[in-house]
Amino acid sequence: MKRNDAPENSHSLETIIRKRYSTLSPSEKTFVSALLEQQDHLGYYSATELAVKAGVSKSTAARCFRQLGFDNFNEFRQSVLPHRENINSPLAQMARAENRGLDATSRFEKHICQEQENLNQLLHSGQQKSLESCVGIVGSASHVWIAGFRNGYTLACYAHALLSNVRSHVTLLNKGDGHLAEKLANMQPQDVIILMDFPRRTKLLSNIVKIARKSNVRIVAFSDQTLSPVTSEYEVVISCRNESITSFNSYIAGLSMVNYLTNEISFAYPEQARRTLQIIEQNHQVMSDLID
């Protein structure tokens, strides 16, 4: 039961902490700092895991939740999560007022400028070593598995379409055929899984990571951030900014990096790529399915 002095559900985590910060002990202040750092991902963690991340004891975490006005972690999470989890929804983004006063031409110009910024960020991201590692991991793997959910599914489909041109044994895990568990059961230690880790995130992604780790499968990810709930499990992370002035996140950087990565794999493994492309072209000739 929520205590009489517990914060209302509509209050943000920042507001809750600010009101009570002066009453917290040093270790409790350390813990709330960790809560703020992980506030977009609280649904992924238990109270014990958050305490470990903060470097404090479980008793400190429990005491801190009471200091913030809640009986326990579950009550705290139920109060805070509705506020946090809706931030990435298109509905929440529609509520932004900064572009409503602009005409369509101005909004279009701002949109294109933001897309250019997302691409320009790739030039200054210092990811060349990560990209080189990704080329080697994906190019040399026995089997490439790919997964992405919600809007990340678009990137997963694009990666599947391009990589299938330059190597064999490429599988899109979540085709919607209801056989995700069966496909995951076929992963082997010499394989790699490519994950599209973008908002809005689903719990399925973290569960797939657990299964992949259990199977000793190498994991690479494309993500809008270098820190997400499961980043520590990734061998390589390709960061792709997804800022947007519209109600929907941008994926132009992610699409561009998938294109670049596939091309680099074809350069690094030319015989493999040439052989696959030749077979594909021969198949098209037999089927006579293309008009250009």
C-alpha atoms as a PDB file:
ATOM      1  CA  MET A   1       0.000   0.000   0.000  1.00  0.00           C
ATOM      2  CA  LYS A   2       1.290   3.430  -0.905  1.00  0.00           C
ATOM      3  CA  ARG A   3       2.048   5.601   2.093  1.00  0.00           C
ATOM      4  CA  ASN A   4       0.113   8.824   2.629  1.00  0.00           C
ATOM      5  CA  ASP A   5       3.225  10.868   1.893  1.00  0.00           C
ATOM      6  CA  ALA A   6       4.100   8.948  -1.292  1.00  0.00           C
ATOM      7  CA  PRO A   7       4.438  11.000  -4.480  1.00  0.00           C
ATOM      8  CA  GLU A   8       1.649  11.092  -7.028  1.00  0.00           C
ATOM      9  CA  ASN A   9       2.102   8.942 -10.139  1.00  0.00           C
ATOM     10  CA  SER A  10       2.289  11.971 -12.398  1.00  0.00           C
ATOM     11  CA  HIS A  11       5.505  13.189 -10.778  1.00  0.00           C
ATOM     12  CA  SER A  12       8.754  12.522 -12.590  1.00  0.00           C
ATOM     13  CA  LEU A  13      11.617  10.664 -10.974  1.00  0.00           C
ATOM     14  CA  GLU A  14      13.629  13.894 -10.940  1.00  0.00           C
ATOM     15  CA  THR A  15      10.853  15.668  -9.017  1.00  0.00           C
ATOM     16  CA  ILE A  16      10.503  12.843  -6.502  1.00  0.00           C
ATOM     17  CA  ILE A  17      14.242  12.810  -5.789  1.00  0.00           C
ATOM     18  CA  ARG A  18      14.606  16.588  -5.703  1.00  0.00           C
ATOM     19  CA  LYS A  19      11.965  16.946  -2.996  1.00  0.00           C
ATOM     20  CA  ARG A  20      13.642  14.421  -0.702  1.00  0.00           C
ATOM     21  CA  TYR A  21      17.306  14.684  -1.660  1.00  0.00           C
ATOM     22  CA  SER A  22      18.350  16.651   1.431  1.00  0.00           C
ATOM     23  CA  THR A  23      17.030  13.883   3.708  1.00  0.00           C
ATOM     24  CA  LEU A  24      19.066  11.123   2.045  1.00  0.00           C
ATOM     25  CA  SER A  25      22.275   9.647   3.439  1.00  0.00           C
ATOM     26  CA  PRO A  26      25.460   9.682   1.289  1.00  0.00           C
ATOM     27  CA  SER A  27      24.946   6.061   0.241  1.00  0.00           C
ATOM     28  CA  GLU A  28      21.299   6.756  -0.583  1.00  0.00           C
ATOM     29  CA  LYS A  29      22.356   9.732  -2.699  1.00  0.00           C
ATOM     30  CA  THR A  30      24.722   7.418  -4.567  1.00  0.00           C
ATOM     31  CA  PHE A  31      21.819   5.058  -5.162  1.00  0.00           C
ATOM     32  CA  VAL A  32      19.448   7.740  -6.487  1.00  0.00           C
ATOM     33  CA  SER A  33      22.189   8.878  -8.871  1.00  0.00           C
ATOM     34  CA  ALA A  34      22.158   5.352 -10.307  1.00  0.00           C
ATOM     35  CA  LEU A  35      18.361   5.486 -10.538  1.00  0.00           C
ATOM     36  CA  LEU A  36      18.594   8.682 -12.569  1.00  0.00           C
ATOM     37  CA  GLU A  37      21.213   7.160 -14.868  1.00  0.00           C
ATOM     38  CA  GLN A  38      18.994   4.128 -15.502  1.00  0.00           C
ATOM     39  CA  GLN A  39      15.635   5.907 -15.431  1.00  0.00           C
ATOM     40  CA  ASP A  40      14.817   5.006 -19.042  1.00  0.00           C
ATOM     41  CA  HIS A  41      15.400   1.307 -18.310  1.00  0.00           C
ATOM     42  CA  LEU A  42      13.978   0.731 -14.831  1.00  0.00           C
ATOM     43  CA  GLY A  43      11.607  -1.886 -16.193  1.00  0.00           C
ATOM     44  CA  TYR A  44      14.561  -4.153 -16.979  1.00  0.00           C
ATOM     45  CA  TYR A  45      16.141  -4.277 -13.520  1.00  0.00           C
ATOM     46  CA  SER A  46      15.373  -5.677 -10.094  1.00  0.00           C
ATOM     47  CA  ALA A  47      16.107  -3.686  -6.946  1.00  0.00           C
ATOM     48  CA  THR A  48      19.109  -5.924  -6.272  1.00  0.00           C
ATOM     49  CA  GLU A  49      20.547  -5.312  -9.754  1.00  0.00           C
ATOM     50  CA  LEU A  50      20.158  -1.550  -9.317  1.00  0.00           C
ATOM     51  CA  ALA A  51      21.909  -1.744  -5.945  1.00  0.00           C
ATOM     52  CA  VAL A  52      24.812  -3.631  -7.541  1.00  0.00           C
ATOM     53  CA  LYS A  53      25.079  -1.019 -10.301  1.00  0.00           C
ATOM     54  CA  ALA A  54      25.197   1.733  -7.687  1.00  0.00           C
ATOM     55  CA  GLY A  55      27.690  -0.125  -5.512  1.00  0.00           C
ATOM     56  CA  VAL A  56      25.459  -0.033  -2.430  1.00  0.00           C
ATOM     57  CA  SER A  57      23.844  -2.721  -0.295  1.00  0.00           C
ATOM     58  CA  LYS A  58      20.341  -4.112  -0.814  1.00  0.00           C
ATOM     59  CA  SER A  59      19.338  -2.693   2.561  1.00  0.00           C
ATOM     60  CA  THR A  60      20.451   0.778   1.442  1.00  0.00           C
ATOM     61  CA  ALA A  61      18.304   0.455  -1.683  1.00  0.00           C
ATOM     62  CA  ALA A  62      15.275  -0.683   0.330  1.00  0.00           C
ATOM     63  CA  ARG A  63      15.754   2.154   2.824  1.00  0.00           C
ATOM     64  CA  CYS A  64      16.097   4.661  -0.015  1.00  0.00           C
ATOM     65  CA  PHE A  65      12.771   3.652  -1.577  1.00  0.00           C
ATOM     66  CA  ARG A  66      11.109   4.234   1.788  1.00  0.00           C
ATOM     67  CA  GLN A  67      12.825   7.606   2.070  1.00  0.00           C
ATOM     68  CA  LEU A  68      11.390   8.515  -1.331  1.00  0.00           C
ATOM     69  CA  GLY A  69       7.906   7.740  -0.050  1.00  0.00           C
ATOM     70  CA  PHE A  70       7.320   4.154  -1.168  1.00  0.00           C
ATOM     71  CA  ASP A  71       6.928   0.933   0.773  1.00  0.00           C
ATOM     72  CA  ASN A  72       9.070  -1.091  -1.652  1.00  0.00           C
ATOM     73  CA  PHE A  73      10.683  -1.200  -5.085  1.00  0.00           C
ATOM     74  CA  ASN A  74       7.617  -2.553  -6.884  1.00  0.00           C
ATOM     75  CA  GLU A  75       5.515   0.344  -5.635  1.00  0.00           C
ATOM     76  CA  PHE A  76       8.233   2.783  -6.686  1.00  0.00           C
ATOM     77  CA  ARG A  77       8.501   1.235 -10.153  1.00  0.00           C
ATOM     78  CA  GLN A  78       4.742   1.211 -10.706  1.00  0.00           C
ATOM     79  CA  SER A  79       4.641   4.898  -9.855  1.00  0.00           C
ATOM     80  CA  VAL A  80       7.596   6.008 -11.953  1.00  0.00           C
ATOM     81  CA  LEU A  81       7.446   3.725 -15.005  1.00  0.00           C
ATOM     82  CA  PRO A  82       4.207   5.050 -16.523  1.00  0.00           C
ATOM     83  CA  HIS A  83       5.839   8.469 -16.655  1.00  0.00           C
ATOM     84  CA  ARG A  84       9.152   7.218 -18.045  1.00  0.00           C
ATOM     85  CA  GLU A  85       8.004   4.559 -20.494  1.00  0.00           C
ATOM     86  CA  ASN A  86       5.713   6.845 -22.469  1.00  0.00           C
ATOM     87  CA  ILE A  87       8.470   9.328 -23.311  1.00  0.00           C
ATOM     88  CA  ASN A  88       9.474   7.452 -26.467  1.00  0.00           C
ATOM     89  CA  SER A  89       5.925   6.994 -27.728  1.00  0.00           C
ATOM     90  CA  PRO A  90       4.812   8.881 -30.865  1.00  0.00           C
ATOM     91  CA  LEU A  91       1.842  10.118 -28.829  1.00  0.00           C
ATOM     92  CA  ALA A  92       4.174  11.801 -26.347  1.00  0.00           C
ATOM     93  CA  GLN A  93       6.269  13.240 -29.169  1.00  0.00           C
ATOM     94  CA  MET A  94       3.170  14.741 -30.785  1.00  0.00           C
ATOM     95  CA  ALA A  95       2.699  16.812 -27.649  1.00  0.00           C
ATOM     96  CA  ARG A  96       5.937  18.704 -28.268  1.00  0.00           C
ATOM     97  CA  ALA A  97       5.066  22.279 -29.098  1.00  0.00           C
ATOM     98  CA  GLU A  98       8.321  23.662 -30.523  1.00  0.00           C
ATOM     99  CA  ASN A  99       7.450  22.939 -34.169  1.00  0.00           C
ATOM    100  CA  ARG A 100       3.718  23.592 -34.168  1.00  0.00           C
ATOM    101  CA  GLY A 101       4.139  27.287 -34.870  1.00  0.00           C
ATOM    102  CA  LEU A 102       6.192  26.654 -38.019  1.00  0.00           C
ATOM    103  CA  ASP A 103       4.860  26.327 -41.534  1.00  0.00           C
ATOM    104  CA  ALA A 104       5.314  23.088 -43.474  1.00  0.00           C
ATOM    105  CA  THR A 105       8.324  24.392 -45.410  1.00  0.00           C
ATOM    106  CA  SER A 106      10.167  25.339 -42.224  1.00  0.00           C
ATOM    107  CA  ARG A 107       9.398  21.987 -40.632  1.00  0.00           C
ATOM    108  CA  PHE A 108      10.699  20.226 -43.738  1.00  0.00           C
ATOM    109  CA  GLU A 109      13.945  22.206 -43.602  1.00  0.00           C
ATOM    110  CA  LYS A 110      14.394  21.430 -39.898  1.00  0.00           C
ATOM    111  CA  HIS A 111      13.700  17.762 -40.572  1.00  0.00           C
ATOM    112  CA  ILE A 112      16.359  17.537 -43.296  1.00  0.00           C
ATOM    113  CA  CYS A 113      18.879  19.439 -41.165  1.00  0.00           C
ATOM    114  CA  GLN A 114      18.314  17.002 -38.298  1.00  0.00           C
ATOM    115  CA  GLU A 115      18.770  14.034 -40.632  1.00  0.00           C
ATOM    116  CA  GLN A 116      22.044  15.545 -41.822  1.00  0.00           C
ATOM    117  CA  GLU A 117      23.179  15.967 -38.210  1.00  0.00           C
ATOM    118  CA  ASN A 118      22.426  12.315 -37.520  1.00  0.00           C
ATOM    119  CA  LEU A 119      24.627  11.307 -40.449  1.00  0.00           C
ATOM    120  CA  ASN A 120      27.356  13.829 -39.632  1.00  0.00           C
ATOM    121  CA  GLN A 121      27.571  12.424 -36.110  1.00  0.00           C
ATOM    122  CA  LEU A 122      28.773   9.154 -37.623  1.00  0.00           C
ATOM    123  CA  LEU A 123      31.836  10.931 -39.017  1.00  0.00           C
ATOM    124  CA  HIS A 124      32.892  12.087 -35.561  1.00  0.00           C
ATOM    125  CA  SER A 125      31.825   9.074 -33.514  1.00  0.00           C
ATOM    126  CA  GLY A 126      35.233   7.367 -33.498  1.00  0.00           C
ATOM    127  CA  GLN A 127      33.742   3.996 -34.327  1.00  0.00           C
ATOM    128  CA  GLN A 128      36.198   2.797 -36.967  1.00  0.00           C
ATOM    129  CA  LYS A 129      37.668   0.065 -34.760  1.00  0.00           C
ATOM    130  CA  SER A 130      34.187  -1.120 -33.827  1.00  0.00           C
ATOM    131  CA  LEU A 131      33.233  -1.233 -37.491  1.00  0.00           C
ATOM    132  CA  GLU A 132      36.358  -3.200 -38.379  1.00  0.00           C
ATOM    133  CA  SER A 133      35.603  -5.677 -35.599  1.00  0.00           C
ATOM    134  CA  CYS A 134      32.019  -5.977 -36.786  1.00  0.00           C
ATOM    135  CA  VAL A 135      33.151  -6.715 -40.353  1.00  0.00           C
ATOM    136  CA  GLY A 136      35.380  -9.540 -39.140  1.00  0.00           C
ATOM    137  CA  ILE A 137      32.801 -11.018 -36.792  1.00  0.00           C
ATOM    138  CA  VAL A 138      29.894 -10.949 -39.246  1.00  0.00           C
ATOM    139  CA  GLY A 139      31.955 -11.880 -42.296  1.00  0.00           C
ATOM    140  CA  SER A 140      33.584 -14.929 -40.708  1.00  0.00           C
ATOM    141  CA  ALA A 141      30.609 -16.307 -38.768  1.00  0.00           C
ATOM    142  CA  SER A 142      29.145 -19.658 -39.773  1.00  0.00           C
ATOM    143  CA  HIS A 143      25.626 -18.265 -39.537  1.00  0.00           C
ATOM    144  CA  VAL A 144      24.306 -14.729 -39.134  1.00  0.00           C
ATOM    145  CA  TRP A 145      21.098 -14.290 -37.153  1.00  0.00           C
ATOM    146  CA  ILE A 146      19.320 -10.929 -37.154  1.00  0.00           C
ATOM    147  CA  ALA A 147      16.587  -9.573 -34.893  1.00  0.00           C
ATOM    148  CA  GLY A 148      14.841  -6.265 -34.361  1.00  0.00           C
ATOM    149  CA  PHE A 149      11.476  -5.312 -32.940  1.00  0.00           C
ATOM    150  CA  ARG A 150       8.984  -2.535 -33.620  1.00  0.00           C
ATOM    151  CA  ASN A 151      10.750   0.108 -35.756  1.00  0.00           C
ATOM    152  CA  GLY A 152      13.986  -1.809 -35.293  1.00  0.00           C
ATOM    153  CA  TYR A 153      12.382  -4.537 -37.384  1.00  0.00           C
ATOM    154  CA  THR A 154      12.772  -2.310 -40.457  1.00  0.00           C
ATOM    155  CA  LEU A 155      16.529  -2.163 -39.880  1.00  0.00           C
ATOM    156  CA  ALA A 156      16.633  -5.907 -39.259  1.00  0.00           C
ATOM    157  CA  CYS A 157      14.856  -6.584 -42.566  1.00  0.00           C
ATOM    158  CA  TYR A 158      17.224  -4.244 -44.406  1.00  0.00           C
ATOM    159  CA  ALA A 159      20.274  -5.915 -42.853  1.00  0.00           C
ATOM    160  CA  HIS A 160      18.889  -9.325 -43.801  1.00  0.00           C
ATOM    161  CA  ALA A 161      18.230  -8.208 -47.385  1.00  0.00           C
ATOM    162  CA  LEU A 162      21.711  -6.731 -47.902  1.00  0.00           C
ATOM    163  CA  LEU A 163      23.796  -9.334 -46.081  1.00  0.00           C
ATOM    164  CA  SER A 164      22.057 -12.114 -48.012  1.00  0.00           C
ATOM    165  CA  ASN A 165      23.692 -10.663 -51.123  1.00  0.00           C
ATOM    166  CA  VAL A 166      27.259 -11.064 -49.908  1.00  0.00           C
ATOM    167  CA  ARG A 167      27.207 -14.256 -47.853  1.00  0.00           C
ATOM    168  CA  SER A 168      25.141 -17.373 -47.228  1.00  0.00           C
ATOM    169  CA  HIS A 169      23.394 -18.518 -44.052  1.00  0.00           C
ATOM    170  CA  VAL A 170      21.709 -15.263 -43.032  1.00  0.00           C
ATOM    171  CA  THR A 171      18.452 -15.603 -41.094  1.00  0.00           C
ATOM    172  CA  LEU A 172      15.922 -13.039 -39.903  1.00  0.00           C
ATOM    173  CA  LEU A 173      14.856 -14.419 -36.534  1.00  0.00           C
ATOM    174  CA  ASN A 174      11.531 -12.687 -35.973  1.00  0.00           C
ATOM    175  CA  LYS A 175       9.679 -13.106 -39.258  1.00  0.00           C
ATOM    176  CA  GLY A 176       6.376 -13.386 -37.439  1.00  0.00           C
ATOM    177  CA  ASP A 177       6.015 -17.080 -38.201  1.00  0.00           C
ATOM    178  CA  GLY A 178       5.776 -18.010 -34.524  1.00  0.00           C
ATOM    179  CA  HIS A 179       8.990 -20.047 -34.553  1.00  0.00           C
ATOM    180  CA  LEU A 180      11.349 -17.678 -32.752  1.00  0.00           C
ATOM    181  CA  ALA A 181      12.150 -20.168 -29.989  1.00  0.00           C
ATOM    182  CA  GLU A 182      12.901 -22.897 -32.527  1.00  0.00           C
ATOM    183  CA  LYS A 183      15.256 -20.657 -34.493  1.00  0.00           C
ATOM    184  CA  LEU A 184      17.059 -19.573 -31.345  1.00  0.00           C
ATOM    185  CA  ALA A 185      17.569 -23.239 -30.493  1.00  0.00           C
ATOM    186  CA  ASN A 186      19.638 -23.613 -33.688  1.00  0.00           C
ATOM    187  CA  MET A 187      22.237 -20.986 -32.770  1.00  0.00           C
ATOM    188  CA  GLN A 188      25.789 -22.305 -32.401  1.00  0.00           C
ATOM    189  CA  PRO A 189      28.951 -20.854 -30.787  1.00  0.00           C
ATOM    190  CA  GLN A 190      30.493 -20.103 -34.200  1.00  0.00           C
ATOM    191  CA  ASP A 191      27.495 -17.926 -35.129  1.00  0.00           C
ATOM    192  CA  VAL A 192      26.789 -14.229 -34.612  1.00  0.00           C
ATOM    193  CA  ILE A 193      23.560 -12.439 -33.858  1.00  0.00           C
ATOM    194  CA  ILE A 194      22.967  -8.852 -34.992  1.00  0.00           C
ATOM    195  CA  LEU A 195      20.482  -6.956 -32.838  1.00  0.00           C
ATOM    196  CA  MET A 196      18.717  -3.686 -33.628  1.00  0.00           C
ATOM    197  CA  ASP A 197      18.512  -2.099 -30.186  1.00  0.00           C
ATOM    198  CA  PHE A 198      16.355   1.012 -30.620  1.00  0.00           C
ATOM    199  CA  PRO A 199      13.342   2.545 -28.847  1.00  0.00           C
ATOM    200  CA  ARG A 200      10.748   1.565 -28.077  1.00  0.00           C
ATOM    201  CA  ARG A 201      12.470  -1.441 -26.594  1.00  0.00           C
ATOM    202  CA  THR A 202      10.762  -4.707 -25.789  1.00  0.00           C
ATOM    203  CA  LYS A 203      11.653  -7.270 -23.148  1.00  0.00           C
ATOM    204  CA  LEU A 204      12.024  -9.832 -25.935  1.00  0.00           C
ATOM    205  CA  LEU A 205      15.323  -8.231 -26.919  1.00  0.00           C
ATOM    206  CA  SER A 206      16.925  -8.737 -23.519  1.00  0.00           C
ATOM    207  CA  ASN A 207      15.587 -12.301 -23.393  1.00  0.00           C
ATOM    208  CA  ILE A 208      17.148 -13.058 -26.786  1.00  0.00           C
ATOM    209  CA  VAL A 209      20.440 -11.714 -25.447  1.00  0.00           C
ATOM    210  CA  LYS A 210      20.228 -14.128 -22.506  1.00  0.00           C
ATOM    211  CA  ILE A 211      19.649 -17.065 -24.860  1.00  0.00           C
ATOM    212  CA  ALA A 212      22.470 -15.981 -27.168  1.00  0.00           C
ATOM    213  CA  ARG A 213      24.897 -15.686 -24.261  1.00  0.00           C
ATOM    214  CA  LYS A 214      23.876 -19.119 -23.016  1.00  0.00           C
ATOM    215  CA  SER A 215      24.645 -20.511 -26.496  1.00  0.00           C
ATOM    216  CA  ASN A 216      28.013 -18.669 -26.569  1.00  0.00           C
ATOM    217  CA  VAL A 217      26.943 -16.799 -29.690  1.00  0.00           C
ATOM    218  CA  ARG A 218      28.776 -13.549 -30.444  1.00  0.00           C
ATOM    219  CA  ILE A 219      26.564 -10.464 -30.284  1.00  0.00           C
ATOM    220  CA  VAL A 220      26.847  -7.207 -32.209  1.00  0.00           C
ATOM    221  CA  ALA A 221      24.289  -4.438 -32.061  1.00  0.00           C
ATOM    222  CA  PHE A 222      23.184  -1.295 -33.797  1.00  0.00           C
ATOM    223  CA  SER A 223      21.809   1.101 -31.198  1.00  0.00           C
ATOM    224  CA  ASP A 224      20.874   4.722 -30.588  1.00  0.00           C
ATOM    225  CA  GLN A 225      23.011   4.671 -27.443  1.00  0.00           C
ATOM    226  CA  THR A 226      26.175   3.011 -26.249  1.00  0.00           C
ATOM    227  CA  LEU A 227      24.506   2.277 -22.905  1.00  0.00           C
ATOM    228  CA  SER A 228      21.272   0.302 -22.851  1.00  0.00           C
ATOM    229  CA  PRO A 229      19.938  -2.360 -20.472  1.00  0.00           C
ATOM    230  CA  VAL A 230      21.916  -5.099 -22.217  1.00  0.00           C
ATOM    231  CA  THR A 231      24.887  -3.192 -23.661  1.00  0.00           C
ATOM    232  CA  SER A 232      27.358  -4.989 -21.408  1.00  0.00           C
ATOM    233  CA  GLU A 233      26.449  -8.245 -23.173  1.00  0.00           C
ATOM    234  CA  TYR A 234      27.319  -6.909 -26.639  1.00  0.00           C
ATOM    235  CA  GLU A 235      30.740  -7.578 -28.098  1.00  0.00           C
ATOM    236  CA  VAL A 236      30.446  -4.620 -30.474  1.00  0.00           C
ATOM    237  CA  VAL A 237      28.006  -1.705 -30.513  1.00  0.00           C
ATOM    238  CA  ILE A 238      27.551   0.512 -33.574  1.00  0.00           C
ATOM    239  CA  SER A 239      26.041   3.751 -32.314  1.00  0.00           C
ATOM    240  CA  CYS A 240      23.488   5.344 -34.659  1.00  0.00           C
ATOM    241  CA  ARG A 241      21.891   8.601 -33.580  1.00  0.00           C
ATOM    242  CA  ASN A 242      18.107   8.666 -34.037  1.00  0.00           C
ATOM    243  CA  GLU A 243      17.178  12.243 -33.115  1.00  0.00           C
ATOM    244  CA  SER A 244      14.135  13.628 -34.921  1.00  0.00           C
ATOM    245  CA  ILE A 245      11.965  16.755 -34.935  1.00  0.00           C
ATOM    246  CA  THR A 246       8.955  14.661 -35.963  1.00  0.00           C
ATOM    247  CA  SER A 247       6.801  12.361 -33.861  1.00  0.00           C
ATOM    248  CA  PHE A 248       8.898   9.410 -35.017  1.00  0.00           C
ATOM    249  CA  ASN A 249      12.548   8.521 -34.477  1.00  0.00           C
ATOM    250  CA  SER A 250      14.985   8.728 -37.366  1.00  0.00           C
ATOM    251  CA  TYR A 251      16.696   5.597 -38.679  1.00  0.00           C
ATOM    252  CA  ILE A 252      18.721   7.129 -41.496  1.00  0.00           C
ATOM    253  CA  ALA A 253      21.993   6.640 -39.588  1.00  0.00           C
ATOM    254  CA  GLY A 254      21.177   3.007 -38.877  1.00  0.00           C
ATOM    255  CA  LEU A 255      20.265   2.298 -42.494  1.00  0.00           C
ATOM    256  CA  SER A 256      23.438   3.996 -43.672  1.00  0.00           C
ATOM    257  CA  MET A 257      25.633   1.950 -41.338  1.00  0.00           C
ATOM    258  CA  VAL A 258      24.000  -1.326 -42.392  1.00  0.00           C
ATOM    259  CA  ASN A 259      24.725  -0.411 -46.012  1.00  0.00           C
ATOM    260  CA  TYR A 260      28.336   0.514 -45.209  1.00  0.00           C
ATOM    261  CA  LEU A 261      28.953  -2.592 -43.119  1.00  0.00           C
ATOM    262  CA  THR A 262      27.652  -4.898 -45.846  1.00  0.00           C
ATOM    263  CA  ASN A 263      29.841  -3.255 -48.453  1.00  0.00           C
ATOM    264  CA  GLU A 264      32.905  -3.562 -46.206  1.00  0.00           C
ATOM    265  CA  ILE A 265      32.173  -7.263 -45.731  1.00  0.00           C
ATOM    266  CA  SER A 266      32.097  -7.697 -49.510  1.00  0.00           C
ATOM    267  CA  PHE A 267      35.540  -6.042 -49.700  1.00  0.00           C
ATOM    268  CA  ALA A 268      36.960  -8.108 -46.833  1.00  0.00           C
ATOM    269  CA  TYR A 269      35.561 -11.404 -48.167  1.00  0.00           C
ATOM    270  CA  PRO A 270      35.459 -10.857 -51.952  1.00  0.00           C
ATOM    271  CA  GLU A 271      35.352 -14.509 -53.022  1.00  0.00           C
ATOM    272  CA  GLN A 272      32.453 -15.243 -50.702  1.00  0.00           C
ATOM    273  CA  ALA A 273      30.561 -12.144 -51.861  1.00  0.00           C
ATOM    274  CA  ARG A 274      31.244 -12.759 -55.552  1.00  0.00           C
ATOM    275  CA  ARG A 275      30.148 -16.384 -55.332  1.00  0.00           C
ATOM    276  CA  THR A 276      26.892 -15.479 -53.580  1.00  0.00           C
ATOM    277  CA  LEU A 277      26.102 -12.661 -56.007  1.00  0.00           C
ATOM    278  CA  GLN A 278      26.819 -14.866 -59.025  1.00  0.00           C
ATOM    279  CA  ILE A 279      24.393 -17.517 -57.793  1.00  0.00           C
ATOM    280  CA  ILE A 280      21.760 -14.859 -57.125  1.00  0.00           C
ATOM    281  CA  GLU A 281      22.131 -13.432 -60.641  1.00  0.00           C
ATOM    282  CA  GLN A 282      21.908 -16.910 -62.164  1.00  0.00           C
ATOM    283  CA  ASN A 283      18.709 -17.532 -60.220  1.00  0.00           C
ATOM    284  CA  HIS A 284      17.207 -14.279 -61.478  1.00  0.00           C
ATOM    285  CA  GLN A 285      18.008 -15.295 -65.050  1.00  0.00           C
ATOM    286  CA  VAL A 286      16.289 -18.641 -64.581  1.00  0.00           C
ATOM    287  CA  MET A 287      13.216 -17.044 -62.990  1.00  0.00           C
ATOM    288  CA  SER A 288      13.093 -14.045 -65.381  1.00  0.00           C
ATOM    289  CA  ASP A 289      11.541 -12.055 -62.552  1.00  0.00           C
ATOM    290  CA  LEU A 290      13.321  -8.689 -62.879  1.00  0.00           C
ATOM    291  CA  ILE A 291      12.620  -5.907 -65.362  1.00  0.00           C
ATOM    292  CA  ASP A 292      15.820  -3.918 -64.751  1.00  0.00           C
END
